[in-house]
N, C-alpha and C. Protein backbone atom coordinates (compact mmCIF):
# COMPACT_ATOMS: atom_id res chain seq x y z
N MET A 1 -28.57 24.87 -9.70
CA MET A 1 -28.35 23.87 -8.38
C MET A 1 -26.61 23.47 -8.33
N GLN A 2 -25.92 22.97 -7.28
CA GLN A 2 -24.98 22.44 -7.73
C GLN A 2 -24.77 20.89 -8.38
N LYS A 3 -23.70 20.59 -8.97
CA LYS A 3 -23.75 19.17 -9.79
C LYS A 3 -22.39 18.68 -9.09
N ILE A 4 -23.07 17.59 -9.05
CA ILE A 4 -22.07 16.63 -8.36
C ILE A 4 -21.61 15.27 -8.68
N LYS A 5 -21.02 14.53 -8.58
CA LYS A 5 -20.65 13.28 -9.24
C LYS A 5 -20.08 12.32 -7.81
N LEU A 6 -21.52 10.93 -8.61
CA LEU A 6 -20.71 10.13 -6.85
C LEU A 6 -20.18 8.75 -7.72
N PHE A 7 -19.16 8.94 -8.03
CA PHE A 7 -18.47 7.62 -8.64
C PHE A 7 -18.67 6.17 -7.24
N MET A 8 -19.60 4.80 -7.47
CA MET A 8 -19.42 3.86 -6.58
C MET A 8 -20.09 2.67 -7.22
N ASP A 9 -20.19 1.96 -6.23
CA ASP A 9 -20.02 0.56 -6.45
C ASP A 9 -21.10 0.28 -5.46
N PRO A 10 -22.58 -0.67 -5.73
CA PRO A 10 -23.30 -0.77 -4.78
C PRO A 10 -23.01 -1.92 -3.88
N LEU A 11 -21.99 -2.53 -3.95
CA LEU A 11 -21.71 -3.50 -2.78
C LEU A 11 -20.79 -3.09 -2.24
N CYS A 12 -20.21 -1.88 -2.18
CA CYS A 12 -19.14 -1.30 -1.46
C CYS A 12 -19.54 -0.82 -0.53
N GLY A 13 -18.90 -0.97 1.30
CA GLY A 13 -19.30 -0.66 2.07
C GLY A 13 -19.05 0.93 2.59
N TRP A 14 -18.00 1.09 2.08
CA TRP A 14 -17.17 2.42 2.19
C TRP A 14 -18.87 3.18 1.80
N CYS A 15 -18.93 2.81 0.19
CA CYS A 15 -19.81 3.57 -0.09
C CYS A 15 -21.30 3.68 0.76
N TYR A 16 -21.89 2.67 1.48
CA TYR A 16 -22.69 2.72 1.97
C TYR A 16 -22.56 3.40 3.00
N ALA A 17 -21.24 3.52 3.77
CA ALA A 17 -20.82 4.63 4.77
C ALA A 17 -21.00 5.65 4.30
N ALA A 18 -20.80 6.38 3.32
CA ALA A 18 -21.20 7.77 2.95
C ALA A 18 -22.12 8.47 2.76
N THR A 19 -23.36 7.38 2.82
CA THR A 19 -24.87 7.95 3.02
C THR A 19 -25.14 9.07 3.31
N PRO A 20 -24.85 8.89 4.85
CA PRO A 20 -25.55 10.12 5.12
C PRO A 20 -24.77 11.45 4.63
N VAL A 21 -23.55 11.22 4.80
CA VAL A 21 -22.91 12.78 3.91
C VAL A 21 -23.86 12.91 2.02
N ILE A 22 -24.22 12.02 1.74
CA ILE A 22 -24.37 11.86 0.33
C ILE A 22 -26.01 12.52 0.43
N GLU A 23 -26.69 12.03 1.46
CA GLU A 23 -28.09 12.52 1.54
C GLU A 23 -27.78 14.23 1.86
N LYS A 24 -27.18 14.41 2.86
CA LYS A 24 -27.17 15.77 3.03
C LYS A 24 -26.72 16.67 2.07
N LEU A 25 -25.52 16.25 0.93
CA LEU A 25 -25.31 16.75 -0.32
C LEU A 25 -26.48 16.97 -1.34
N ALA A 26 -26.98 15.96 -1.39
CA ALA A 26 -28.78 15.68 -1.94
C ALA A 26 -29.31 17.04 -1.55
N GLN A 27 -29.60 17.18 -0.49
CA GLN A 27 -30.27 18.57 -0.21
C GLN A 27 -29.81 20.10 -0.90
N SER A 28 -28.98 19.87 -1.46
CA SER A 28 -28.73 21.26 -2.22
C SER A 28 -27.90 21.16 -3.53
N ALA A 29 -28.12 19.83 -3.73
CA ALA A 29 -27.02 19.90 -4.96
C ALA A 29 -27.67 18.53 -5.79
N GLU A 30 -27.26 18.62 -7.08
CA GLU A 30 -27.87 17.46 -8.03
C GLU A 30 -26.64 16.65 -8.29
N ILE A 31 -27.51 15.25 -7.96
CA ILE A 31 -26.06 13.98 -7.71
C ILE A 31 -26.27 12.94 -8.75
N GLU A 32 -25.49 12.90 -9.52
CA GLU A 32 -25.29 11.94 -10.89
C GLU A 32 -24.42 10.58 -10.16
N VAL A 33 -25.31 9.67 -9.95
CA VAL A 33 -24.80 8.30 -9.83
C VAL A 33 -23.94 7.56 -10.67
N ILE A 34 -22.98 7.29 -10.53
CA ILE A 34 -21.82 6.38 -11.63
C ILE A 34 -21.51 5.62 -10.96
N PRO A 35 -21.69 4.01 -11.48
CA PRO A 35 -21.34 3.08 -10.97
C PRO A 35 -19.98 2.68 -11.91
N THR A 36 -19.43 2.22 -10.78
CA THR A 36 -17.87 2.40 -11.49
C THR A 36 -17.84 0.14 -12.22
N GLY A 37 -18.48 -0.58 -11.64
CA GLY A 37 -18.32 -2.03 -11.99
C GLY A 37 -16.80 -2.68 -11.23
N LEU A 38 -16.97 -2.07 -9.59
CA LEU A 38 -15.91 -2.52 -9.17
C LEU A 38 -16.21 -3.99 -8.85
N PHE A 39 -17.54 -4.18 -8.63
CA PHE A 39 -17.80 -5.70 -8.12
C PHE A 39 -18.64 -5.95 -8.97
N SER A 40 -18.75 -5.50 -10.00
CA SER A 40 -19.92 -6.20 -11.13
C SER A 40 -18.88 -7.24 -11.88
N GLU A 41 -19.15 -8.55 -11.25
CA GLU A 41 -18.16 -9.86 -12.11
C GLU A 41 -19.46 -10.91 -11.86
N ASP A 42 -19.93 -11.66 -13.54
CA ASP A 42 -21.00 -12.45 -13.19
C ASP A 42 -19.95 -13.58 -12.69
N GLY A 43 -20.90 -14.19 -11.49
CA GLY A 43 -20.34 -16.01 -11.47
C GLY A 43 -19.37 -15.95 -9.73
N ARG A 44 -19.12 -14.00 -9.56
CA ARG A 44 -18.27 -14.28 -8.58
C ARG A 44 -18.60 -14.30 -6.82
N VAL A 45 -18.39 -14.95 -6.41
CA VAL A 45 -19.01 -16.10 -5.19
C VAL A 45 -18.54 -15.56 -3.74
N VAL A 46 -19.05 -15.55 -2.63
CA VAL A 46 -18.22 -15.55 -1.45
C VAL A 46 -17.69 -16.53 -0.95
N SER A 47 -16.14 -15.96 -0.20
CA SER A 47 -15.29 -16.92 -0.44
C SER A 47 -15.16 -17.45 1.21
N PRO A 48 -14.56 -18.32 2.16
CA PRO A 48 -14.60 -17.91 3.46
C PRO A 48 -13.25 -16.77 3.67
N ALA A 49 -11.96 -16.66 2.93
CA ALA A 49 -11.46 -15.39 3.16
C ALA A 49 -12.10 -14.23 2.49
N PHE A 50 -12.86 -13.98 1.78
CA PHE A 50 -13.66 -12.47 1.48
C PHE A 50 -14.53 -12.59 2.30
N ALA A 51 -15.41 -13.29 3.19
CA ALA A 51 -16.29 -13.29 4.17
C ALA A 51 -16.01 -12.66 5.23
N GLN A 52 -14.44 -13.09 5.79
CA GLN A 52 -13.81 -12.89 6.69
C GLN A 52 -13.43 -11.38 6.90
N HIS A 53 -12.48 -11.11 5.48
CA HIS A 53 -12.10 -9.78 5.41
C HIS A 53 -13.43 -8.98 5.59
N ALA A 54 -13.87 -9.23 4.57
CA ALA A 54 -15.78 -7.91 4.53
C ALA A 54 -16.24 -7.85 5.89
N TRP A 55 -16.34 -8.84 6.79
CA TRP A 55 -17.08 -8.48 7.92
C TRP A 55 -15.97 -7.78 9.07
N SER A 56 -14.49 -8.05 8.91
CA SER A 56 -13.90 -7.23 9.15
C SER A 56 -13.48 -5.87 8.86
N ASN A 57 -13.44 -5.61 7.47
CA ASN A 57 -13.62 -4.33 7.02
C ASN A 57 -14.86 -3.31 7.75
N ASP A 58 -16.14 -4.39 7.35
CA ASP A 58 -17.12 -3.69 7.60
C ASP A 58 -17.55 -3.11 9.26
N GLN A 59 -16.79 -3.75 10.04
CA GLN A 59 -16.82 -3.34 11.26
C GLN A 59 -16.09 -2.31 11.61
N ARG A 60 -14.83 -1.89 10.44
CA ARG A 60 -13.99 -1.23 11.09
C ARG A 60 -14.73 0.36 10.77
N ILE A 61 -15.74 -0.01 9.21
CA ILE A 61 -16.08 1.14 8.58
C ILE A 61 -17.82 1.40 9.98
N ALA A 62 -18.36 0.83 10.64
CA ALA A 62 -19.42 0.64 11.57
C ALA A 62 -18.79 2.02 12.69
N GLN A 63 -17.58 1.35 12.75
CA GLN A 63 -16.79 2.21 14.15
C GLN A 63 -16.46 3.35 13.85
N LEU A 64 -16.17 3.51 12.19
CA LEU A 64 -15.77 4.81 12.01
C LEU A 64 -16.89 6.19 11.66
N THR A 65 -18.04 5.55 11.30
CA THR A 65 -18.99 6.04 10.38
C THR A 65 -20.22 6.10 11.34
N GLY A 66 -20.24 4.65 11.98
CA GLY A 66 -21.76 4.65 12.69
C GLY A 66 -23.01 3.99 12.22
N GLN A 67 -22.56 3.72 10.68
CA GLN A 67 -23.35 3.27 9.45
C GLN A 67 -23.39 1.64 10.36
N VAL A 68 -24.64 1.25 10.00
CA VAL A 68 -24.97 -0.39 10.99
C VAL A 68 -25.01 -1.49 9.91
N PHE A 69 -24.13 -2.77 10.38
CA PHE A 69 -23.75 -3.87 9.69
C PHE A 69 -24.42 -4.99 9.96
N SER A 70 -25.72 -5.04 10.33
CA SER A 70 -26.23 -6.31 11.11
C SER A 70 -25.83 -7.24 10.76
N GLU A 71 -26.54 -8.29 11.80
CA GLU A 71 -26.37 -9.64 11.98
C GLU A 71 -26.71 -10.36 10.98
N GLN A 72 -27.96 -9.58 11.29
CA GLN A 72 -28.32 -10.65 9.64
C GLN A 72 -27.71 -10.31 8.24
N TYR A 73 -27.28 -9.60 8.08
CA TYR A 73 -26.61 -8.87 6.90
C TYR A 73 -25.23 -10.31 6.85
N ARG A 74 -24.54 -10.41 8.01
CA ARG A 74 -23.51 -11.28 8.16
C ARG A 74 -23.61 -12.56 8.26
N ASP A 75 -24.87 -13.08 8.42
CA ASP A 75 -25.61 -14.65 8.67
C ASP A 75 -26.01 -14.38 7.26
N ASN A 76 -26.61 -14.06 6.54
CA ASN A 76 -27.51 -14.47 5.27
C ASN A 76 -26.66 -13.68 3.97
N LEU A 77 -25.78 -12.86 4.09
CA LEU A 77 -24.79 -12.92 2.93
C LEU A 77 -23.34 -13.06 3.15
N LEU A 78 -22.84 -13.18 3.86
CA LEU A 78 -21.78 -13.16 3.81
C LEU A 78 -21.10 -14.51 4.29
N LYS A 79 -22.23 -15.72 3.52
CA LYS A 79 -21.60 -16.98 3.80
C LYS A 79 -21.23 -17.35 2.64
N VAL A 80 -20.56 -18.17 2.74
CA VAL A 80 -19.66 -18.88 1.50
C VAL A 80 -20.63 -19.51 0.35
N GLY A 81 -20.46 -18.71 -0.93
CA GLY A 81 -20.88 -19.74 -2.05
C GLY A 81 -22.38 -18.44 -2.56
N MET A 82 -22.00 -17.54 -1.59
CA MET A 82 -23.47 -16.33 -1.63
C MET A 82 -22.91 -15.73 -2.76
N PRO A 83 -23.90 -15.19 -3.67
CA PRO A 83 -23.05 -14.36 -5.07
C PRO A 83 -23.06 -12.88 -4.54
N PHE A 84 -21.81 -12.44 -4.87
CA PHE A 84 -21.21 -10.73 -4.94
C PHE A 84 -21.07 -10.38 -6.18
N ASN A 85 -21.98 -10.10 -6.62
CA ASN A 85 -22.01 -9.41 -8.08
C ASN A 85 -23.11 -8.02 -8.15
N SER A 86 -22.56 -7.04 -8.02
CA SER A 86 -22.77 -6.01 -8.19
C SER A 86 -23.75 -5.56 -9.51
N PHE A 87 -23.45 -6.36 -10.42
CA PHE A 87 -24.27 -6.43 -12.00
C PHE A 87 -25.74 -5.76 -12.00
N PRO A 88 -26.82 -6.58 -11.39
CA PRO A 88 -28.38 -6.86 -11.08
C PRO A 88 -28.26 -5.36 -10.23
N ILE A 89 -27.86 -4.83 -9.16
CA ILE A 89 -28.24 -3.75 -8.65
C ILE A 89 -28.27 -2.73 -9.70
N VAL A 90 -27.21 -2.75 -10.63
CA VAL A 90 -26.88 -1.34 -11.56
C VAL A 90 -27.91 -1.58 -12.41
N VAL A 91 -28.67 -2.77 -12.96
CA VAL A 91 -29.78 -3.18 -13.65
C VAL A 91 -30.64 -2.26 -13.32
N ALA A 92 -30.92 -2.77 -12.24
CA ALA A 92 -32.33 -2.09 -11.21
C ALA A 92 -32.11 -0.32 -11.34
N LEU A 93 -30.86 0.24 -10.80
CA LEU A 93 -30.75 1.81 -10.91
C LEU A 93 -30.80 2.27 -12.06
N THR A 94 -30.56 1.56 -12.82
CA THR A 94 -30.65 2.04 -14.45
C THR A 94 -31.80 2.13 -14.68
N TRP A 95 -32.57 1.14 -14.44
CA TRP A 95 -34.35 1.43 -14.67
C TRP A 95 -34.66 2.80 -14.05
N VAL A 96 -34.57 2.87 -12.50
CA VAL A 96 -34.79 3.59 -12.20
C VAL A 96 -34.26 4.89 -12.31
N ASN A 97 -33.07 5.39 -12.95
CA ASN A 97 -32.82 6.64 -13.64
C ASN A 97 -33.29 6.93 -15.10
N GLN A 98 -33.78 5.70 -15.82
CA GLN A 98 -34.64 5.96 -16.83
C GLN A 98 -35.47 6.35 -16.51
N HIS A 99 -36.58 5.89 -15.58
CA HIS A 99 -37.93 6.06 -15.35
C HIS A 99 -38.43 7.35 -14.47
N PHE A 100 -37.17 7.32 -13.23
CA PHE A 100 -37.37 8.25 -12.41
C PHE A 100 -36.42 8.85 -11.74
N PRO A 101 -35.48 9.43 -12.95
CA PRO A 101 -33.97 10.23 -12.24
C PRO A 101 -33.73 10.51 -11.57
N GLN A 102 -34.84 11.51 -10.88
CA GLN A 102 -34.90 12.16 -9.44
C GLN A 102 -34.72 11.25 -8.37
N GLN A 103 -35.15 10.18 -8.71
CA GLN A 103 -35.32 8.91 -7.56
C GLN A 103 -34.06 8.06 -7.57
N GLU A 104 -33.33 8.21 -8.45
CA GLU A 104 -32.12 7.08 -7.90
C GLU A 104 -31.21 6.58 -6.77
N LEU A 105 -31.00 8.04 -6.64
CA LEU A 105 -29.95 8.25 -5.07
C LEU A 105 -31.12 7.48 -4.17
N ASN A 106 -32.26 7.70 -3.72
CA ASN A 106 -32.86 7.09 -2.58
C ASN A 106 -33.34 5.46 -2.94
N ALA A 107 -33.14 5.61 -4.19
CA ALA A 107 -33.45 3.85 -4.44
C ALA A 107 -31.71 3.43 -4.24
N HIS A 108 -31.32 3.74 -4.44
CA HIS A 108 -29.94 3.07 -4.29
C HIS A 108 -29.61 2.88 -2.87
N HIS A 109 -30.32 3.94 -2.00
CA HIS A 109 -30.09 3.93 -0.57
C HIS A 109 -31.27 2.78 -0.15
N ALA A 110 -32.44 2.81 -0.76
CA ALA A 110 -33.13 2.25 -0.03
C ALA A 110 -32.61 0.50 -0.26
N ILE A 111 -32.03 0.46 -1.43
CA ILE A 111 -31.59 -1.20 -1.52
C ILE A 111 -30.53 -1.05 -0.50
N GLN A 112 -28.77 -0.58 -0.62
CA GLN A 112 -28.06 -0.66 0.62
C GLN A 112 -28.89 -0.98 1.74
N LYS A 113 -29.94 -0.46 2.82
CA LYS A 113 -30.57 -0.40 3.83
C LYS A 113 -31.35 -1.75 3.74
N ALA A 114 -31.74 -2.27 2.74
CA ALA A 114 -32.34 -4.17 2.60
C ALA A 114 -30.91 -4.88 2.38
N ARG A 115 -29.76 -4.59 1.63
CA ARG A 115 -28.78 -5.59 2.32
C ARG A 115 -27.68 -5.44 3.46
N TYR A 116 -27.61 -3.89 4.19
CA TYR A 116 -26.71 -4.10 5.18
C TYR A 116 -27.44 -4.13 6.43
N VAL A 117 -28.78 -3.68 6.39
CA VAL A 117 -29.46 -3.30 7.89
C VAL A 117 -30.21 -5.03 7.95
N GLU A 118 -31.17 -5.17 6.51
CA GLU A 118 -32.60 -6.00 6.84
C GLU A 118 -31.70 -7.37 6.29
N GLY A 119 -30.43 -7.74 6.28
CA GLY A 119 -29.98 -9.10 5.26
C GLY A 119 -30.42 -9.53 4.45
N ARG A 120 -30.79 -8.35 3.06
CA ARG A 120 -31.93 -9.45 2.05
C ARG A 120 -30.76 -9.30 0.72
N ASP A 121 -30.67 -10.10 0.03
CA ASP A 121 -29.68 -10.68 -0.75
C ASP A 121 -30.34 -9.87 -2.17
N THR A 122 -29.26 -8.40 -2.12
CA THR A 122 -29.97 -7.18 -3.20
C THR A 122 -29.21 -8.13 -4.69
N THR A 123 -28.59 -8.81 -4.72
CA THR A 123 -28.24 -9.34 -6.46
C THR A 123 -29.23 -10.22 -6.91
N SER A 124 -30.12 -10.54 -5.61
CA SER A 124 -31.43 -11.30 -6.50
C SER A 124 -32.31 -10.39 -7.21
N ILE A 125 -33.09 -10.72 -8.50
CA ILE A 125 -34.25 -9.77 -9.07
C ILE A 125 -35.52 -9.62 -8.43
N GLU A 126 -35.51 -10.83 -7.47
CA GLU A 126 -36.52 -10.82 -6.69
C GLU A 126 -36.74 -10.12 -5.79
N VAL A 127 -35.88 -9.66 -5.02
CA VAL A 127 -35.39 -8.66 -3.88
C VAL A 127 -35.50 -7.29 -4.50
N LEU A 128 -34.65 -7.26 -5.13
CA LEU A 128 -34.52 -5.71 -6.26
C LEU A 128 -36.18 -5.52 -6.72
N THR A 129 -36.97 -6.08 -7.16
CA THR A 129 -38.29 -5.71 -7.76
C THR A 129 -38.87 -5.81 -6.02
N GLU A 130 -38.63 -6.19 -5.19
CA GLU A 130 -39.67 -5.62 -4.01
C GLU A 130 -38.72 -4.32 -3.38
N VAL A 131 -37.97 -4.32 -3.39
CA VAL A 131 -37.31 -2.96 -2.88
C VAL A 131 -37.69 -1.43 -3.72
N LEU A 132 -38.17 -1.99 -5.39
CA LEU A 132 -38.18 -1.04 -5.95
C LEU A 132 -39.99 -0.81 -5.83
N ALA A 133 -40.73 -1.98 -5.68
CA ALA A 133 -41.99 -1.86 -5.47
C ALA A 133 -42.43 -0.94 -4.37
N SER A 134 -41.69 -0.81 -3.53
CA SER A 134 -41.95 -0.87 -2.30
C SER A 134 -41.85 0.92 -1.95
N LEU A 135 -40.70 1.38 -2.78
CA LEU A 135 -40.86 2.38 -3.37
C LEU A 135 -41.83 3.45 -4.10
N GLY A 136 -42.69 2.52 -4.51
CA GLY A 136 -43.89 3.44 -4.90
C GLY A 136 -43.63 3.53 -6.51
N PHE A 137 -43.06 2.85 -7.57
CA PHE A 137 -43.07 3.25 -8.96
C PHE A 137 -44.34 3.38 -9.89
N GLY A 138 -44.96 2.44 -9.10
CA GLY A 138 -46.86 2.33 -9.93
C GLY A 138 -46.56 1.77 -10.82
N LYS A 139 -45.49 0.27 -10.46
CA LYS A 139 -45.53 -0.88 -11.27
C LYS A 139 -45.74 -1.89 -10.13
N THR A 140 -46.01 -2.90 -10.56
CA THR A 140 -46.37 -3.78 -9.49
C THR A 140 -45.20 -5.00 -9.83
N ALA A 141 -45.07 -5.92 -8.74
CA ALA A 141 -43.57 -6.40 -8.46
C ALA A 141 -43.41 -7.47 -9.96
N GLN A 142 -44.26 -7.81 -10.48
CA GLN A 142 -44.21 -8.68 -11.78
C GLN A 142 -44.02 -7.65 -12.75
N GLU A 143 -44.54 -6.55 -12.66
CA GLU A 143 -44.28 -5.47 -13.92
C GLU A 143 -42.54 -5.43 -13.76
N LEU A 144 -42.33 -4.83 -12.50
CA LEU A 144 -40.88 -4.56 -12.40
C LEU A 144 -39.58 -6.07 -12.38
N SER A 145 -40.56 -6.83 -12.58
CA SER A 145 -39.64 -8.44 -12.76
C SER A 145 -39.21 -8.34 -13.77
N ILE A 146 -40.11 -8.41 -14.75
CA ILE A 146 -40.49 -8.47 -16.35
C ILE A 146 -39.10 -7.17 -16.54
N ALA A 147 -39.44 -5.85 -16.33
CA ALA A 147 -38.26 -4.78 -16.79
C ALA A 147 -37.32 -4.91 -16.68
N LEU A 148 -36.62 -5.43 -15.06
CA LEU A 148 -35.26 -5.99 -14.66
C LEU A 148 -34.61 -6.64 -15.57
N GLN A 149 -35.68 -7.87 -16.13
CA GLN A 149 -34.69 -8.91 -17.45
C GLN A 149 -34.79 -8.42 -18.56
N ASP A 150 -35.04 -7.21 -19.30
CA ASP A 150 -34.90 -7.04 -20.17
C ASP A 150 -33.62 -6.65 -21.04
N LYS A 151 -33.52 -7.35 -22.03
CA LYS A 151 -32.23 -7.37 -22.55
C LYS A 151 -31.25 -5.94 -22.57
N ASP A 152 -32.64 -5.28 -23.39
CA ASP A 152 -32.11 -3.69 -23.57
C ASP A 152 -31.12 -2.71 -22.75
N LEU A 153 -32.19 -3.43 -21.42
CA LEU A 153 -31.91 -2.64 -20.14
C LEU A 153 -30.91 -2.93 -19.97
N ILE A 154 -30.30 -4.12 -20.18
CA ILE A 154 -29.07 -4.98 -19.43
C ILE A 154 -27.93 -4.57 -20.47
N GLN A 155 -28.58 -4.36 -21.55
CA GLN A 155 -27.34 -3.43 -22.27
C GLN A 155 -26.71 -2.41 -21.68
N GLN A 156 -28.02 -1.60 -21.76
CA GLN A 156 -27.70 -0.24 -21.28
C GLN A 156 -26.99 0.22 -20.03
N ALA A 157 -27.47 -0.90 -18.80
CA ALA A 157 -26.52 -0.84 -17.59
C ALA A 157 -24.81 -1.38 -17.84
N GLU A 158 -24.82 -2.23 -18.81
CA GLU A 158 -23.32 -2.78 -19.18
C GLU A 158 -22.49 -1.24 -19.58
N GLN A 159 -23.14 -0.73 -20.53
CA GLN A 159 -22.60 0.78 -21.38
C GLN A 159 -22.75 1.43 -20.27
N ARG A 160 -23.33 1.55 -19.17
CA ARG A 160 -22.94 2.71 -18.11
C ARG A 160 -22.28 2.53 -17.27
N ILE A 161 -21.59 0.90 -16.93
CA ILE A 161 -20.86 0.69 -16.12
C ILE A 161 -19.52 0.91 -17.31
N MET A 162 -19.52 0.96 -18.54
CA MET A 162 -18.00 1.28 -18.85
C MET A 162 -18.26 2.53 -19.25
N GLN A 163 -19.43 3.24 -19.48
CA GLN A 163 -19.22 4.79 -19.00
C GLN A 163 -18.27 5.26 -17.68
N GLY A 164 -19.10 4.79 -17.02
CA GLY A 164 -18.53 5.06 -15.48
C GLY A 164 -17.22 4.78 -15.05
N ALA A 165 -16.75 3.45 -15.69
CA ALA A 165 -15.35 3.33 -15.48
C ALA A 165 -14.58 4.55 -16.43
N GLN A 166 -15.04 4.38 -17.41
CA GLN A 166 -13.84 5.45 -18.23
C GLN A 166 -14.12 6.83 -17.05
N GLN A 167 -15.40 7.63 -17.15
CA GLN A 167 -15.47 8.42 -16.10
C GLN A 167 -14.50 8.90 -15.37
N ALA A 168 -14.18 7.52 -14.55
CA ALA A 168 -13.67 7.39 -13.16
C ALA A 168 -12.22 7.43 -13.64
N ASN A 169 -11.52 6.74 -14.78
CA ASN A 169 -10.15 6.85 -15.03
C ASN A 169 -9.98 8.39 -15.83
N GLN A 170 -10.82 9.19 -16.02
CA GLN A 170 -10.76 10.77 -16.36
C GLN A 170 -10.60 11.25 -14.94
N PHE A 171 -11.20 11.31 -13.78
CA PHE A 171 -11.08 11.83 -12.71
C PHE A 171 -9.97 11.32 -11.62
N ALA A 172 -9.11 10.59 -12.25
CA ALA A 172 -8.46 9.83 -11.75
C ALA A 172 -8.85 9.06 -10.28
N VAL A 173 -10.17 8.55 -10.80
CA VAL A 173 -10.56 7.75 -9.03
C VAL A 173 -9.69 6.48 -8.51
N ARG A 174 -9.46 6.97 -7.50
CA ARG A 174 -8.55 5.36 -6.93
C ARG A 174 -9.62 5.03 -6.37
N GLY A 175 -10.22 5.26 -5.93
CA GLY A 175 -11.36 4.13 -4.84
C GLY A 175 -12.59 4.75 -5.27
N VAL A 176 -13.82 3.82 -4.53
CA VAL A 176 -15.04 4.47 -4.40
C VAL A 176 -15.54 4.48 -2.65
N PRO A 177 -15.97 5.22 -2.73
CA PRO A 177 -17.10 6.21 -2.97
C PRO A 177 -15.71 7.36 -3.59
N ALA A 178 -16.10 8.01 -4.62
CA ALA A 178 -15.22 9.01 -4.65
C ALA A 178 -16.91 10.23 -5.45
N VAL A 179 -16.63 11.37 -4.81
CA VAL A 179 -17.37 12.07 -4.60
C VAL A 179 -16.25 13.89 -5.31
N PHE A 180 -17.42 13.95 -6.62
CA PHE A 180 -16.61 15.48 -7.04
C PHE A 180 -17.79 16.27 -7.80
N ALA A 181 -17.63 17.85 -7.14
CA ALA A 181 -18.40 18.76 -7.16
C ALA A 181 -18.02 19.91 -8.09
N GLU A 182 -18.60 19.99 -8.90
CA GLU A 182 -18.53 20.84 -10.15
C GLU A 182 -18.52 22.78 -9.06
N THR A 183 -17.78 22.97 -9.84
CA THR A 183 -16.85 24.71 -8.91
C THR A 183 -16.98 25.45 -10.38
N GLU A 184 -15.98 26.81 -9.54
CA GLU A 184 -15.89 27.70 -10.88
C GLU A 184 -14.09 27.41 -11.14
N GLN A 185 -13.79 26.85 -10.44
CA GLN A 185 -11.99 26.10 -10.71
C GLN A 185 -12.25 24.83 -11.37
N GLY A 186 -13.35 24.31 -11.77
CA GLY A 186 -13.74 22.72 -11.96
C GLY A 186 -14.11 22.07 -11.45
N TRP A 187 -13.93 20.63 -11.47
CA TRP A 187 -14.42 19.85 -10.96
C TRP A 187 -13.31 19.48 -9.48
N GLN A 188 -14.10 19.47 -8.43
CA GLN A 188 -13.25 19.24 -6.82
C GLN A 188 -13.66 18.06 -6.29
N GLN A 189 -12.52 17.91 -5.80
CA GLN A 189 -13.18 16.12 -5.28
C GLN A 189 -13.64 16.60 -3.67
N VAL A 190 -14.44 16.09 -3.15
CA VAL A 190 -14.98 16.26 -1.99
C VAL A 190 -14.91 15.45 -1.39
N SER A 191 -14.43 15.48 0.17
CA SER A 191 -14.40 14.42 1.08
C SER A 191 -15.63 13.93 1.73
N VAL A 192 -15.82 12.60 1.71
CA VAL A 192 -17.74 12.06 2.29
C VAL A 192 -17.30 11.74 3.88
N TYR A 193 -15.91 11.72 4.34
CA TYR A 193 -15.73 10.91 6.20
C TYR A 193 -15.36 11.89 6.26
């Protein structure tokens, strides 16, 4: 099975826009999800300028790709003062990667849908817990909530972002998403749009 590296950030609209292509690639390839930490910054919140920029960019992405950026997303999450930190999502994805590695991409896409379509705050442990519980990982929401706040898991997510940033640098990634497929000639970048 072909191996693919997906450099991404869970709060990146362009990464969400690439979902249909990534899902198609996943049918015949093993995809390694590599968070780069682009929007992983504790304390970062939505400002008026950022909200306007994000919604304008999201509308452009929607026109180009057909992906849905709902009114609920705009109204609930692009409000001034809302958290804008992908780190909690990376923690959740790291938990999935450790316990159900074959499901990490599905979990990532479910979290993206919760954010961009349903307008749910995926920077919230409570929302992430609900999304993961809905995927049937055999844990109660309470067990998942405790697991997602584990100090060791948080450190592992931090390490994962550092390693992802290092790999992105090695691959000369200029932005996310960036997709590379392993070929006989080495790793080759794949277009996702």
